[in-house]
Amino acid sequence: MGKAEIRQPWRAPGFIKASAALHVAGAAALVASPATWPWVLGAVAANHAGITAAGLWPRSTLLGPNITRLPATAASRNEIALTFDDGPDPEVTPRVLDLLDARDAKASFFCIGKRATQNPQLVREIVARGHEVENHSQDHPVAFSFYGVGRFKRELAIAQQALTELTGRTPRYFRAPAGLRNPMLDPALHALGLQLVSWTRRGFDGVSGDAETVYTRLTRGLASGDILVLHDGHPPRTSDGTPVVLAVLPRLLDALAQRGLRAVRLTQGLA
């Protein structure tokens, strides 16, 4: 029998520890000198504004570890990571898979648990074609960034179970809906053995139907080690009705080839 994995206790990030210390110091100051309340209130308000800003900044590491690019070893191999959010989509995802196959490119699909359960064969097809499925929450809730630890755990754990049963592999990475979060997410991720992944660059193809603009955002400054995010789940459409990801992906794969870059799965690039 192999040894069971021993997970170290969760440790709060430095920014959160400093925030807690500020609150304790503020309370002590009020007890010692109630007249200092305007200063204490201002300091606490500024701290909460900083915490909120960190949660609204998808690439921030202030609220906990956050993978925003591949390590130097992967960059030295000219690797980049293509990631797709919000699927699977029965119309779009198969066409994305065909485009990736044609270029021998690999990708990581951050799937919504509910949609995965509704399209089980499509999830299995993603894996069968050499890609990997990761966790993008169970329902992609609009209020996700307002959850507490317990609700985060439930939302992610349901998706973990569904995706594990469908693929035979437990997801290792998680991407927050729209990249938004709060300080309660990191302990929930730790409890479930998940690592947060955001991105190096994105084209905003989840909200924009302008393929040219999306392509420019993804390729401006494109370099080895980058993590790119696109959306195969219910993407906006171009003026001629084409899902924007399908209009952008062929050109993006061409750009990768021209620059000598190779698209790999996250687990490969981060190994």
Protein backbone atom coordinates (compact mmCIF):
# COMPACT_ATOMS: atom_id res chain seq x y z
CA MET A 1 0.00 0.00 0.00
CA GLY A 2 1.21 3.49 -0.79
CA LYS A 3 1.39 6.16 1.82
CA ALA A 4 -1.57 8.48 2.14
CA GLU A 5 -0.84 12.05 1.21
CA ILE A 6 -0.17 14.21 4.25
CA ARG A 7 -1.40 17.74 3.70
CA GLN A 8 0.16 20.49 5.73
CA PRO A 9 -2.18 22.76 7.71
CA TRP A 10 -3.42 25.81 5.86
CA ARG A 11 -1.42 28.95 6.52
CA ALA A 12 -2.83 32.40 5.93
CA PRO A 13 -0.99 34.54 3.35
CA GLY A 14 1.09 37.40 4.71
CA PHE A 15 -1.38 40.01 3.50
CA ILE A 16 -4.22 38.34 5.40
CA LYS A 17 -2.09 37.99 8.54
CA ALA A 18 -1.25 41.68 8.34
CA SER A 19 -4.93 42.52 7.89
CA ALA A 20 -5.86 40.50 10.97
CA ALA A 21 -3.09 42.18 12.96
CA LEU A 22 -4.41 45.58 11.88
CA HIS A 23 -7.87 44.75 13.18
CA VAL A 24 -6.47 43.57 16.51
CA ALA A 25 -4.32 46.68 16.81
CA GLY A 26 -7.30 48.86 15.94
CA ALA A 27 -9.43 47.26 18.63
CA ALA A 28 -6.66 47.72 21.18
CA ALA A 29 -6.28 51.39 20.18
CA LEU A 30 -10.00 51.99 20.67
CA VAL A 31 -9.90 50.44 24.13
CA ALA A 32 -6.89 52.52 25.12
CA SER A 33 -8.10 55.75 23.51
CA PRO A 34 -11.67 55.87 22.18
CA ALA A 35 -10.95 59.26 20.60
CA THR A 36 -8.79 57.53 17.98
CA TRP A 37 -11.86 56.00 16.36
CA PRO A 38 -11.69 58.12 13.16
CA TRP A 39 -8.12 56.94 12.52
CA VAL A 40 -8.95 53.33 13.32
CA LEU A 41 -12.03 53.42 11.11
CA GLY A 42 -10.04 54.93 8.25
CA ALA A 43 -7.29 52.32 8.55
CA VAL A 44 -9.78 49.43 8.65
CA ALA A 45 -11.75 50.84 5.71
CA ALA A 46 -8.58 51.21 3.67
CA ASN A 47 -7.61 47.63 4.52
CA HIS A 48 -10.99 46.29 3.41
CA ALA A 49 -10.71 48.27 0.21
CA GLY A 50 -7.34 46.59 -0.41
CA ILE A 51 -8.79 43.13 0.25
CA THR A 52 -11.67 43.85 -2.14
CA ALA A 53 -9.28 45.11 -4.81
CA ALA A 54 -7.16 41.97 -4.45
CA GLY A 55 -10.27 39.83 -4.96
CA LEU A 56 -11.22 41.78 -8.07
CA TRP A 57 -7.71 41.42 -9.55
CA PRO A 58 -7.65 37.86 -10.98
CA ARG A 59 -3.85 37.68 -11.15
CA SER A 60 -3.30 38.88 -7.58
CA THR A 61 -1.33 36.68 -5.17
CA LEU A 62 -2.25 38.70 -2.06
CA LEU A 63 -5.09 36.35 -1.09
CA GLY A 64 -3.11 33.16 -1.60
CA PRO A 65 -1.01 31.25 -4.14
CA ASN A 66 -2.07 31.90 -7.71
CA ILE A 67 -0.43 30.41 -10.80
CA THR A 68 -0.24 33.08 -13.50
CA ARG A 69 2.35 31.54 -15.82
CA LEU A 70 4.37 28.38 -16.36
CA PRO A 71 7.74 28.01 -14.62
CA ALA A 72 11.06 28.87 -16.23
CA THR A 73 11.70 25.21 -17.09
CA ALA A 74 8.59 25.13 -19.27
CA ALA A 75 9.46 28.49 -20.80
CA SER A 76 12.89 27.15 -21.71
CA ARG A 77 11.13 24.39 -23.65
CA ASN A 78 9.07 27.02 -25.52
CA GLU A 79 5.87 25.79 -23.92
CA ILE A 80 2.68 27.75 -23.34
CA ALA A 81 -0.62 26.62 -21.82
CA LEU A 82 -3.91 26.98 -23.67
CA THR A 83 -6.87 26.89 -21.30
CA PHE A 84 -10.59 26.98 -22.07
CA ASP A 85 -13.30 28.04 -19.61
CA ASP A 86 -17.04 27.59 -19.12
CA GLY A 87 -17.60 24.43 -21.14
CA PRO A 88 -18.25 21.88 -22.25
CA ASP A 89 -20.52 23.19 -25.00
CA PRO A 90 -22.00 20.60 -27.38
CA GLU A 91 -21.73 22.95 -30.37
CA VAL A 92 -18.38 24.66 -29.75
CA THR A 93 -16.19 22.26 -27.77
CA PRO A 94 -16.03 19.50 -30.45
CA ARG A 95 -14.91 22.07 -33.02
CA VAL A 96 -12.28 23.39 -30.62
CA LEU A 97 -11.03 19.82 -30.18
CA ASP A 98 -10.80 19.35 -33.95
CA LEU A 99 -8.76 22.55 -34.32
CA LEU A 100 -6.38 21.45 -31.56
CA ASP A 101 -6.01 17.99 -33.09
CA ALA A 102 -5.11 19.47 -36.46
CA ARG A 103 -2.12 21.24 -34.87
CA ASP A 104 -1.23 18.57 -32.32
CA ALA A 105 -1.84 21.15 -29.59
CA LYS A 106 -2.86 20.14 -26.07
CA ALA A 107 -5.00 22.15 -23.68
CA SER A 108 -6.65 22.24 -20.27
CA PHE A 109 -10.42 22.65 -20.08
CA PHE A 110 -11.79 24.30 -16.94
CA CYS A 111 -15.24 22.77 -17.00
CA ILE A 112 -18.35 23.75 -15.06
CA GLY A 113 -19.50 20.68 -13.16
CA LYS A 114 -23.17 21.06 -14.06
CA ARG A 115 -22.43 21.36 -17.78
CA ALA A 116 -20.03 18.44 -17.61
CA THR A 117 -22.75 16.26 -16.07
CA GLN A 118 -25.13 17.31 -18.86
CA ASN A 119 -22.55 16.39 -21.52
CA PRO A 120 -20.70 13.36 -20.13
CA GLN A 121 -19.57 11.92 -23.45
CA LEU A 122 -18.10 15.25 -24.48
CA VAL A 123 -16.08 15.43 -21.26
CA ARG A 124 -14.75 11.94 -21.94
CA GLU A 125 -13.91 13.00 -25.49
CA ILE A 126 -11.78 15.88 -24.17
CA VAL A 127 -9.71 13.40 -22.19
CA ALA A 128 -9.63 10.80 -24.97
CA ARG A 129 -8.04 13.37 -27.27
CA GLY A 130 -5.19 13.96 -24.87
CA HIS A 131 -6.38 17.04 -23.01
CA GLU A 132 -7.23 17.45 -19.33
CA VAL A 133 -10.28 18.59 -17.41
CA GLU A 134 -9.97 20.94 -14.45
CA ASN A 135 -12.42 22.50 -11.98
CA HIS A 136 -14.32 25.72 -12.77
CA SER A 137 -16.97 25.37 -10.03
CA GLN A 138 -20.22 23.46 -10.11
CA ASP A 139 -22.63 26.21 -11.24
CA HIS A 140 -20.43 29.23 -12.10
CA PRO A 141 -22.47 31.36 -9.65
CA VAL A 142 -22.60 35.11 -10.10
CA ALA A 143 -22.19 35.61 -6.35
CA PHE A 144 -19.19 33.28 -6.11
CA SER A 145 -16.83 35.96 -4.76
CA PHE A 146 -19.18 36.56 -1.79
CA TYR A 147 -19.11 32.96 -0.52
CA GLY A 148 -17.66 31.80 2.79
CA VAL A 149 -15.29 28.87 3.29
CA GLY A 150 -18.07 26.30 3.76
CA ARG A 151 -19.98 27.30 0.67
CA PHE A 152 -16.78 27.45 -1.39
CA LYS A 153 -15.98 23.89 -0.28
CA ARG A 154 -19.42 22.62 -1.23
CA GLU A 155 -19.41 24.34 -4.63
CA LEU A 156 -15.96 23.02 -5.55
CA ALA A 157 -16.36 19.57 -3.99
CA ILE A 158 -19.52 18.80 -5.99
CA ALA A 159 -17.70 19.69 -9.20
CA GLN A 160 -14.63 17.69 -8.11
CA GLN A 161 -16.71 14.58 -7.62
CA ALA A 162 -18.57 14.96 -10.90
CA LEU A 163 -15.44 15.62 -12.96
CA THR A 164 -13.51 12.80 -11.27
CA GLU A 165 -16.29 10.30 -11.97
CA LEU A 166 -16.52 11.38 -15.60
CA THR A 167 -12.79 11.40 -16.38
CA GLY A 168 -11.27 8.94 -13.93
CA ARG A 169 -8.87 11.69 -12.83
CA THR A 170 -9.21 14.13 -9.94
CA PRO A 171 -8.74 17.75 -11.06
CA ARG A 172 -5.67 19.43 -9.62
CA TYR A 173 -6.35 23.02 -10.62
CA PHE A 174 -9.18 25.48 -10.12
CA ARG A 175 -10.07 28.72 -11.84
CA ALA A 176 -12.55 31.05 -10.18
CA PRO A 177 -15.57 32.21 -12.19
CA ALA A 178 -14.49 35.44 -13.90
CA GLY A 179 -11.31 35.18 -11.82
CA LEU A 180 -13.06 36.85 -8.83
CA ARG A 181 -12.63 35.64 -5.25
CA ASN A 182 -12.23 36.63 -1.61
CA PRO A 183 -9.93 35.59 1.29
CA MET A 184 -12.13 32.58 2.11
CA LEU A 185 -11.30 30.77 -1.14
CA ASP A 186 -7.70 29.87 -0.33
CA PRO A 187 -8.48 27.70 2.74
CA ALA A 188 -11.23 25.96 0.78
CA LEU A 189 -8.82 25.18 -2.07
CA HIS A 190 -6.26 23.88 0.41
CA ALA A 191 -8.82 21.58 2.01
CA LEU A 192 -9.68 20.08 -1.39
CA GLY A 193 -6.09 19.82 -2.62
CA LEU A 194 -6.64 22.30 -5.46
CA GLN A 195 -4.31 24.99 -6.79
CA LEU A 196 -5.63 28.29 -8.11
CA VAL A 197 -4.72 29.08 -11.72
CA SER A 198 -5.47 32.38 -13.42
CA TRP A 199 -3.59 33.42 -16.57
CA THR A 200 -0.82 35.47 -18.10
CA ARG A 201 -3.04 37.00 -20.77
CA ARG A 202 -6.64 36.82 -21.91
CA GLY A 203 -8.54 38.12 -24.90
CA PHE A 204 -11.87 38.77 -23.13
CA ASP A 205 -13.49 36.42 -25.63
CA GLY A 206 -16.07 35.60 -22.99
CA VAL A 207 -17.62 39.04 -23.41
CA SER A 208 -16.40 40.35 -26.79
CA GLY A 209 -17.45 39.22 -30.24
CA ASP A 210 -14.67 41.21 -31.94
CA ALA A 211 -12.32 38.46 -33.09
CA GLU A 212 -9.57 40.84 -34.20
CA THR A 213 -9.43 42.57 -30.83
CA VAL A 214 -9.46 39.25 -28.97
CA TYR A 215 -6.64 37.91 -31.14
CA THR A 216 -4.55 41.06 -30.62
CA ARG A 217 -4.95 40.89 -26.85
CA LEU A 218 -3.84 37.26 -26.79
CA THR A 219 -0.81 37.68 -29.05
CA ARG A 220 0.54 41.08 -28.03
CA GLY A 221 3.74 40.22 -26.16
CA LEU A 222 3.01 36.48 -26.38
CA ALA A 223 5.98 34.54 -25.01
CA SER A 224 6.99 31.10 -23.82
CA GLY A 225 5.66 30.27 -20.37
CA ASP A 226 2.41 32.17 -20.89
CA ILE A 227 -0.96 30.81 -19.78
CA LEU A 228 -3.73 31.88 -22.16
CA VAL A 229 -7.44 31.71 -21.42
CA LEU A 230 -10.26 31.41 -23.96
CA HIS A 231 -13.91 30.34 -23.61
CA ASP A 232 -15.55 27.35 -25.28
CA GLY A 233 -18.69 27.63 -23.13
CA HIS A 234 -21.43 29.81 -24.66
CA PRO A 235 -18.98 32.29 -26.23
CA PRO A 236 -20.07 35.55 -27.87
CA ARG A 237 -20.40 35.48 -31.65
CA THR A 238 -18.88 37.54 -34.40
CA SER A 239 -21.00 39.62 -36.77
CA ASP A 240 -21.44 36.59 -39.07
CA GLY A 241 -22.60 34.36 -36.20
CA THR A 242 -19.36 32.44 -35.64
CA PRO A 243 -18.48 31.71 -32.00
CA VAL A 244 -15.57 34.08 -31.40
CA VAL A 245 -13.29 31.37 -30.02
CA LEU A 246 -13.59 29.48 -33.32
CA ALA A 247 -12.72 32.62 -35.26
CA VAL A 248 -9.66 33.31 -33.11
CA LEU A 249 -8.23 29.86 -32.38
CA PRO A 250 -6.94 28.97 -35.88
CA ARG A 251 -5.02 32.26 -36.11
CA LEU A 252 -3.75 31.84 -32.57
CA LEU A 253 -2.43 28.35 -33.31
CA ASP A 254 -0.74 29.75 -36.42
CA ALA A 255 0.89 32.45 -34.29
CA LEU A 256 2.18 29.83 -31.85
CA ALA A 257 3.71 27.82 -34.68
CA GLN A 258 5.33 30.89 -36.21
CA ARG A 259 6.94 31.77 -32.89
CA GLY A 260 8.10 28.22 -32.19
CA LEU A 261 5.78 27.80 -29.20
CA ARG A 262 4.12 24.54 -28.21
CA ALA A 263 0.78 24.28 -26.41
CA VAL A 264 0.82 21.79 -23.52
CA ARG A 265 -1.48 20.71 -20.70
CA LEU A 266 -1.09 22.54 -17.40
CA THR A 267 0.02 19.37 -15.65
CA GLN A 268 2.82 19.01 -18.19
CA GLY A 269 3.91 22.63 -18.14
CA LEU A 270 3.80 22.85 -14.34
CA ALA A 271 5.48 19.51 -13.69
